[in-house]
Protein backbone atom coordinates (compact mmCIF):
# COMPACT_ATOMS: atom_id res chain seq x y z
CA MET A 1 -12.64 37.22 -36.33
CA ALA A 2 -9.06 38.52 -36.21
CA THR A 3 -7.55 40.38 -33.27
CA VAL A 4 -5.31 43.21 -34.44
CA ARG A 5 -3.00 45.40 -32.48
CA ILE A 6 -2.65 49.08 -33.42
CA LEU A 7 0.46 50.97 -32.52
CA ARG A 8 0.83 54.64 -33.34
CA ALA A 9 3.93 56.72 -34.06
CA ALA A 10 4.78 57.43 -30.44
CA ASP A 11 4.39 53.74 -29.53
CA VAL A 12 6.71 52.74 -32.41
CA ARG A 13 9.38 55.28 -31.46
CA SER A 14 9.30 54.20 -27.84
CA ALA A 15 9.64 50.51 -28.69
CA LEU A 16 12.71 50.63 -30.89
CA SER A 17 16.01 52.45 -30.33
CA MET A 18 18.44 53.24 -33.09
CA THR A 19 21.00 50.79 -31.67
CA ALA A 20 18.48 47.96 -31.56
CA CYS A 21 17.31 48.82 -35.06
CA ILE A 22 20.84 48.68 -36.43
CA ASP A 23 21.26 45.15 -35.00
CA ALA A 24 17.89 44.06 -36.43
CA VAL A 25 18.61 45.49 -39.87
CA GLU A 26 22.07 43.86 -39.91
CA ALA A 27 20.61 40.48 -39.20
CA ALA A 28 17.98 41.06 -41.90
CA PHE A 29 20.66 41.91 -44.48
CA ILE A 30 22.52 38.69 -43.59
CA SER A 31 19.36 36.61 -43.99
CA TYR A 32 18.50 38.32 -47.33
CA SER A 33 21.96 37.79 -48.83
CA ALA A 34 21.92 34.16 -47.63
CA GLY A 35 18.68 33.52 -49.54
CA GLU A 36 16.73 33.18 -46.34
CA ALA A 37 14.21 35.91 -47.16
CA GLU A 38 11.44 36.64 -49.58
CA LEU A 39 11.59 40.08 -51.21
CA PRO A 40 9.31 41.03 -54.09
CA SER A 41 9.95 44.01 -56.30
CA VAL A 42 9.09 47.50 -55.08
CA ILE A 43 5.88 49.02 -56.27
CA HIS A 44 6.49 52.58 -57.29
CA LEU A 45 3.46 54.89 -57.65
CA GLU A 46 3.36 58.55 -58.53
CA VAL A 47 0.66 61.18 -58.09
CA PRO A 48 2.10 63.83 -60.36
CA GLU A 49 -0.49 66.56 -59.75
CA ALA A 50 0.58 66.62 -56.06
CA GLN A 51 4.23 65.63 -56.67
CA GLY A 52 3.47 62.52 -54.73
CA VAL A 53 5.74 59.48 -54.62
CA ILE A 54 4.60 56.24 -52.99
CA HIS A 55 6.67 53.11 -52.42
CA VAL A 56 5.15 49.76 -51.42
CA LYS A 57 7.65 47.23 -50.07
CA ALA A 58 7.09 43.82 -48.54
CA GLY A 59 9.23 40.96 -47.17
CA HIS A 60 9.43 37.88 -45.12
CA LEU A 61 12.42 36.52 -43.19
CA HIS A 62 12.38 32.71 -43.14
CA GLY A 63 11.38 31.50 -39.68
CA ALA A 64 10.13 34.89 -38.50
CA PRO A 65 6.77 34.97 -36.81
CA ALA A 66 5.39 37.62 -39.20
CA TYR A 67 5.78 39.11 -42.62
CA ALA A 68 5.08 42.76 -43.40
CA VAL A 69 3.88 45.13 -46.09
CA LYS A 70 4.80 48.77 -45.92
CA VAL A 71 3.42 51.82 -47.69
CA ALA A 72 5.52 54.98 -47.49
CA SER A 73 4.72 58.25 -49.21
CA GLY A 74 6.15 61.71 -49.77
CA PHE A 75 4.05 64.54 -51.30
CA TYR A 76 6.38 67.35 -52.33
CA ALA A 77 4.02 69.97 -53.63
CA GLN A 78 3.70 71.11 -50.03
CA ASP A 79 6.29 72.99 -48.02
CA PRO A 80 7.43 71.24 -45.96
CA PRO A 81 6.65 67.96 -47.83
CA ALA A 82 3.96 65.71 -46.38
CA ILE A 83 5.52 62.41 -45.34
CA ASP A 84 3.41 59.48 -44.19
CA GLY A 85 3.27 55.73 -44.09
CA MET A 86 2.25 52.57 -42.25
CA VAL A 87 3.26 48.98 -41.88
CA VAL A 88 0.79 46.10 -41.85
CA VAL A 89 2.09 42.97 -40.11
CA PHE A 90 0.69 39.47 -40.82
CA ASP A 91 0.97 36.16 -39.09
CA ALA A 92 3.49 34.10 -41.11
CA SER A 93 1.65 30.85 -40.33
CA THR A 94 -1.93 31.92 -41.28
CA GLY A 95 -1.73 35.17 -43.27
CA ALA A 96 -4.03 36.86 -40.84
CA PRO A 97 -3.28 40.56 -40.03
CA THR A 98 -1.90 40.92 -36.55
CA ALA A 99 -0.78 44.56 -36.28
CA PHE A 100 -1.10 47.97 -37.86
CA LEU A 101 1.89 50.22 -37.21
CA LEU A 102 0.52 53.65 -37.89
CA ASP A 103 3.96 55.15 -37.68
CA GLY A 104 3.55 58.06 -40.08
CA GLY A 105 6.78 57.07 -41.81
CA SER A 106 8.91 57.07 -38.66
CA LEU A 107 9.76 53.37 -38.92
CA THR A 108 11.00 53.95 -42.45
CA ASP A 109 13.12 56.85 -41.23
CA LEU A 110 14.60 54.71 -38.44
CA ARG A 111 15.35 51.64 -40.49
CA THR A 112 16.86 53.72 -43.31
CA GLY A 113 19.11 55.42 -40.84
CA ALA A 114 19.94 52.03 -39.29
CA ALA A 115 21.03 50.73 -42.69
CA GLY A 116 23.53 53.58 -42.83
CA GLY A 117 24.71 52.57 -39.35
CA VAL A 118 25.30 48.99 -40.53
CA ALA A 119 27.23 50.32 -43.53
CA ALA A 120 29.40 52.52 -41.31
CA ARG A 121 30.01 49.69 -38.82
CA TRP A 122 31.58 47.53 -41.55
CA LEU A 123 32.97 50.12 -44.04
CA ALA A 124 33.79 53.40 -42.35
CA PRO A 125 37.30 54.16 -41.07
CA GLU A 126 37.75 53.71 -37.37
CA ARG A 127 38.50 57.44 -36.93
CA VAL A 128 35.93 59.80 -38.45
CA ASP A 129 37.21 63.37 -38.13
CA ALA A 130 34.68 65.05 -40.45
CA VAL A 131 31.30 64.03 -41.80
CA ALA A 132 29.56 65.64 -44.73
CA VAL A 133 25.79 65.33 -45.06
CA ILE A 134 24.30 66.22 -48.45
CA GLY A 135 20.62 66.78 -47.85
CA THR A 136 18.49 68.30 -45.12
CA SER A 137 15.53 65.89 -44.65
CA ILE A 138 14.82 63.81 -41.62
CA GLN A 139 17.19 61.21 -43.10
CA ALA A 140 20.10 63.66 -42.61
CA ARG A 141 19.32 63.54 -38.92
CA LYS A 142 18.78 59.81 -38.76
CA GLN A 143 21.99 58.97 -40.61
CA ILE A 144 23.98 61.07 -38.10
CA GLU A 145 22.14 59.39 -35.19
CA ALA A 146 22.98 56.00 -36.53
CA LEU A 147 26.58 56.98 -37.28
CA ARG A 148 27.05 58.17 -33.71
CA SER A 149 25.81 54.74 -32.55
CA VAL A 150 28.71 52.97 -34.25
CA ARG A 151 31.51 55.56 -34.43
CA GLY A 152 32.83 58.55 -32.62
CA ILE A 153 32.71 61.47 -35.05
CA GLY A 154 34.14 64.96 -35.28
CA GLU A 155 32.83 67.94 -37.29
CA VAL A 156 29.56 67.54 -39.18
CA ARG A 157 29.01 69.65 -42.31
CA VAL A 158 25.59 69.96 -43.85
CA TRP A 159 24.72 71.22 -47.36
CA GLY A 160 21.24 71.70 -48.82
CA ARG A 161 19.73 73.75 -51.60
CA ASN A 162 17.54 75.66 -49.10
CA ALA A 163 19.76 77.63 -46.74
CA GLU A 164 17.08 77.84 -44.00
CA ARG A 165 16.54 74.05 -44.02
CA ALA A 166 20.31 73.48 -44.10
CA GLY A 167 20.68 75.72 -41.03
CA LYS A 168 17.97 73.84 -39.13
CA ALA A 169 19.41 70.45 -40.08
CA ALA A 170 22.88 71.55 -39.06
CA ALA A 171 21.59 72.78 -35.69
CA ASP A 172 19.74 69.52 -35.10
CA VAL A 173 22.85 67.39 -35.64
CA GLY A 174 25.33 69.77 -33.93
CA GLY A 175 26.97 70.70 -37.25
CA VAL A 176 27.81 73.60 -39.48
CA VAL A 177 26.41 74.68 -42.81
CA ALA A 178 28.60 74.30 -45.89
CA SER A 179 28.23 76.84 -48.68
CA ASN A 180 28.38 74.28 -51.45
CA VAL A 181 28.74 70.49 -52.00
CA GLU A 182 32.44 70.76 -52.75
CA ASP A 183 33.17 72.55 -49.45
CA ALA A 184 31.12 70.00 -47.57
CA VAL A 185 32.85 66.90 -48.95
CA ARG A 186 36.43 68.05 -49.40
CA GLY A 187 38.51 66.31 -46.70
CA ALA A 188 35.52 64.60 -45.14
CA THR A 189 36.17 61.11 -43.74
CA LEU A 190 32.62 60.01 -44.28
CA ILE A 191 29.95 61.32 -46.61
CA VAL A 192 26.23 60.68 -46.57
CA THR A 193 23.99 61.66 -49.50
CA CYS A 194 20.27 61.73 -48.90
CA THR A 195 18.60 63.89 -51.56
CA ALA A 196 16.13 63.36 -54.38
CA SER A 197 18.64 64.40 -56.98
CA THR A 198 18.52 63.10 -60.56
CA GLU A 199 22.05 64.29 -61.40
CA PRO A 200 25.45 63.78 -59.77
CA LEU A 201 26.18 66.06 -56.80
CA VAL A 202 29.44 64.60 -55.50
CA ARG A 203 32.31 64.61 -58.01
CA SER A 204 35.05 62.01 -57.94
CA ASP A 205 37.88 64.52 -58.05
CA TRP A 206 36.71 66.04 -54.73
CA ILE A 207 36.96 62.77 -52.83
CA ASP A 208 40.18 61.42 -51.16
CA ASP A 209 41.12 57.81 -50.83
CA GLY A 210 40.22 56.51 -47.37
CA THR A 211 36.75 58.08 -47.48
CA HIS A 212 33.53 56.15 -46.87
CA ILE A 213 30.34 57.19 -48.74
CA THR A 214 26.81 56.03 -47.90
CA ALA A 215 24.41 56.92 -50.72
CA VAL A 216 20.79 56.85 -49.59
CA GLY A 217 18.84 59.09 -51.99
CA SER A 218 18.86 57.05 -55.20
CA ASP A 219 15.92 54.68 -54.81
CA GLY A 220 14.22 55.07 -58.19
CA VAL A 221 14.94 55.00 -61.89
CA GLY A 222 16.91 58.05 -62.94
CA LYS A 223 17.86 59.17 -59.43
CA GLN A 224 21.51 59.88 -58.87
CA GLU A 225 23.79 61.59 -56.37
CA LEU A 226 27.28 60.31 -57.11
CA ASP A 227 29.64 60.72 -60.00
CA PRO A 228 29.77 57.20 -61.56
CA GLU A 229 33.55 57.45 -61.57
CA LEU A 230 33.41 57.15 -57.73
CA LEU A 231 31.84 53.71 -58.10
CA ARG A 232 34.56 52.74 -60.48
CA ARG A 233 37.26 53.94 -58.11
CA ALA A 234 35.79 52.22 -55.07
CA ASP A 235 37.98 49.57 -53.39
CA VAL A 236 34.83 48.17 -51.77
CA LEU A 237 31.46 48.74 -53.46
CA ALA A 238 28.61 47.47 -51.27
CA VAL A 239 24.89 47.39 -52.06
CA ASP A 240 21.86 46.41 -50.00
CA SER A 241 20.41 44.41 -52.93
CA LEU A 242 22.28 43.84 -56.09
CA ASP A 243 19.22 43.32 -58.25
CA GLN A 244 17.50 46.42 -56.88
CA CYS A 245 20.53 48.67 -56.99
CA LYS A 246 21.06 47.83 -60.64
CA ARG A 247 17.57 49.11 -61.34
CA LEU A 248 17.12 51.91 -58.80
CA GLY A 249 20.34 52.76 -57.06
CA GLU A 250 23.66 54.53 -57.93
CA LEU A 251 24.70 51.29 -59.58
CA GLN A 252 22.23 51.85 -62.42
CA HIS A 253 24.59 54.58 -63.66
CA ALA A 254 27.73 52.40 -63.49
CA LEU A 255 26.67 48.96 -64.60
CA ASP A 256 30.15 48.34 -65.99
CA VAL A 257 31.30 47.66 -62.37
CA GLU A 258 28.28 45.61 -61.19
CA ASP A 259 30.48 42.49 -61.16
CA ARG A 260 32.48 44.12 -58.26
CA ALA A 261 29.43 45.04 -56.24
CA VAL A 262 28.86 42.90 -53.14
CA GLU A 263 25.78 42.79 -50.94
CA LEU A 264 26.20 44.31 -47.50
CA GLY A 265 24.72 41.21 -45.93
CA ARG A 266 27.63 39.11 -47.19
CA ILE A 267 30.11 41.55 -45.66
CA CYS A 268 28.19 41.41 -42.32
CA ALA A 269 28.21 37.63 -42.45
CA GLY A 270 32.00 37.62 -42.90
CA GLU A 271 31.79 35.96 -46.33
CA VAL A 272 33.67 38.78 -48.02
CA PRO A 273 35.77 41.54 -46.45
CA GLY A 274 34.56 45.05 -45.77
CA ARG A 275 37.16 47.72 -45.16
CA THR A 276 40.55 46.18 -44.56
CA ASP A 277 42.73 49.28 -44.90
CA GLU A 278 42.30 52.87 -43.77
CA GLY A 279 43.33 54.04 -47.24
CA GLN A 280 40.49 52.33 -49.06
CA LEU A 281 37.60 54.21 -50.73
CA THR A 282 34.38 52.46 -49.72
CA ILE A 283 30.89 53.09 -50.94
CA CYS A 284 27.56 51.64 -49.93
CA ASP A 285 24.56 52.06 -52.22
CA LEU A 286 21.34 51.81 -50.21
CA THR A 287 17.96 51.59 -51.97
CA GLY A 288 15.94 50.20 -49.05
CA VAL A 289 14.70 46.63 -48.99
CA GLY A 290 11.56 45.16 -47.50
CA VAL A 291 13.38 42.84 -45.10
CA GLN A 292 14.44 46.00 -43.19
CA ASP A 293 10.76 46.81 -42.57
CA VAL A 294 10.03 43.27 -41.49
CA ALA A 295 12.94 43.21 -39.07
CA ALA A 296 12.10 46.60 -37.65
CA ALA A 297 8.39 45.76 -37.31
CA ASN A 298 9.14 42.46 -35.53
CA ALA A 299 11.50 44.29 -33.20
CA VAL A 300 8.86 46.89 -32.40
CA LEU A 301 6.25 44.22 -31.55
CA ALA A 302 8.73 42.28 -29.44
CA ASN A 303 9.55 45.41 -27.37
CA ALA A 304 6.28 47.35 -27.29
CA GLY A 305 4.97 45.78 -24.07
CA ASP A 306 1.35 46.76 -23.49
CA ALA A 307 1.53 49.82 -25.74
CA GLY A 308 -1.20 50.52 -28.25
CA GLU A 309 -4.69 49.17 -28.46
CA THR A 310 -6.33 45.92 -29.61
CA VAL A 311 -9.33 45.78 -31.95
CA GLN A 312 -11.46 43.02 -33.47
CA LEU A 313 -11.76 42.96 -37.20
């Protein structure tokens, strides 16, 4: 009979800060790029009648006490969309389940934001006078939270297709609403894209050298937020997983420059340089990898204290 710990969303949020998650995700990226992690392909499931999209991701970091499998979903026929998810943690020595993190998707939100924080730590200019956020979901908020953990930032401009949601997102991050994408990104030092777009939103001729862009939204075949010419212009083109970004990320639309793309974990490990000059255009293509979930789940369990409940299976 297995003993399993159950942590709910409030327990998960209390156990892991953004700063701690950024550090955990950075270590996971390093392990992954060093070949010290197991990462199977993402399972992508759709429920078209409810505009539902489900991702199943799993991973194991060599030497870690546990591996994890995560199910995250978004059902977009509703307004606002129904977002949910959970992480199942297993003992890496026996395969027995040890914990259910019934986080409702909050751990995915946190670790995705944290990945943007890692990208900014290594690729953003030291001085960030203006940030443009393209998108109004929870990820718009988490990306700004993560960015503020690694950089001091000035003005935040938010654009979204829905004016009411854009206003709410801007209020939540202490920013202003931009009337269109061009107004949002023109002159911005750092740009974050976090939409479900299937066509380019950010044009290359709007973007100055010296800018950093973190692209989060493209995590499926056909998704796209950036003009491919931006990837071709980039002085540093980082990806969380080269194989995955070629299939699911912005890189799928600019495969002619895949030989220049470098995994973020290699930059974090000091194997290859990140930003070396304030005039460089840097881009990080983030599709989300299972090792982020493993690292975040292990960090939650290490810091949760007596939270949650224990049940016998």
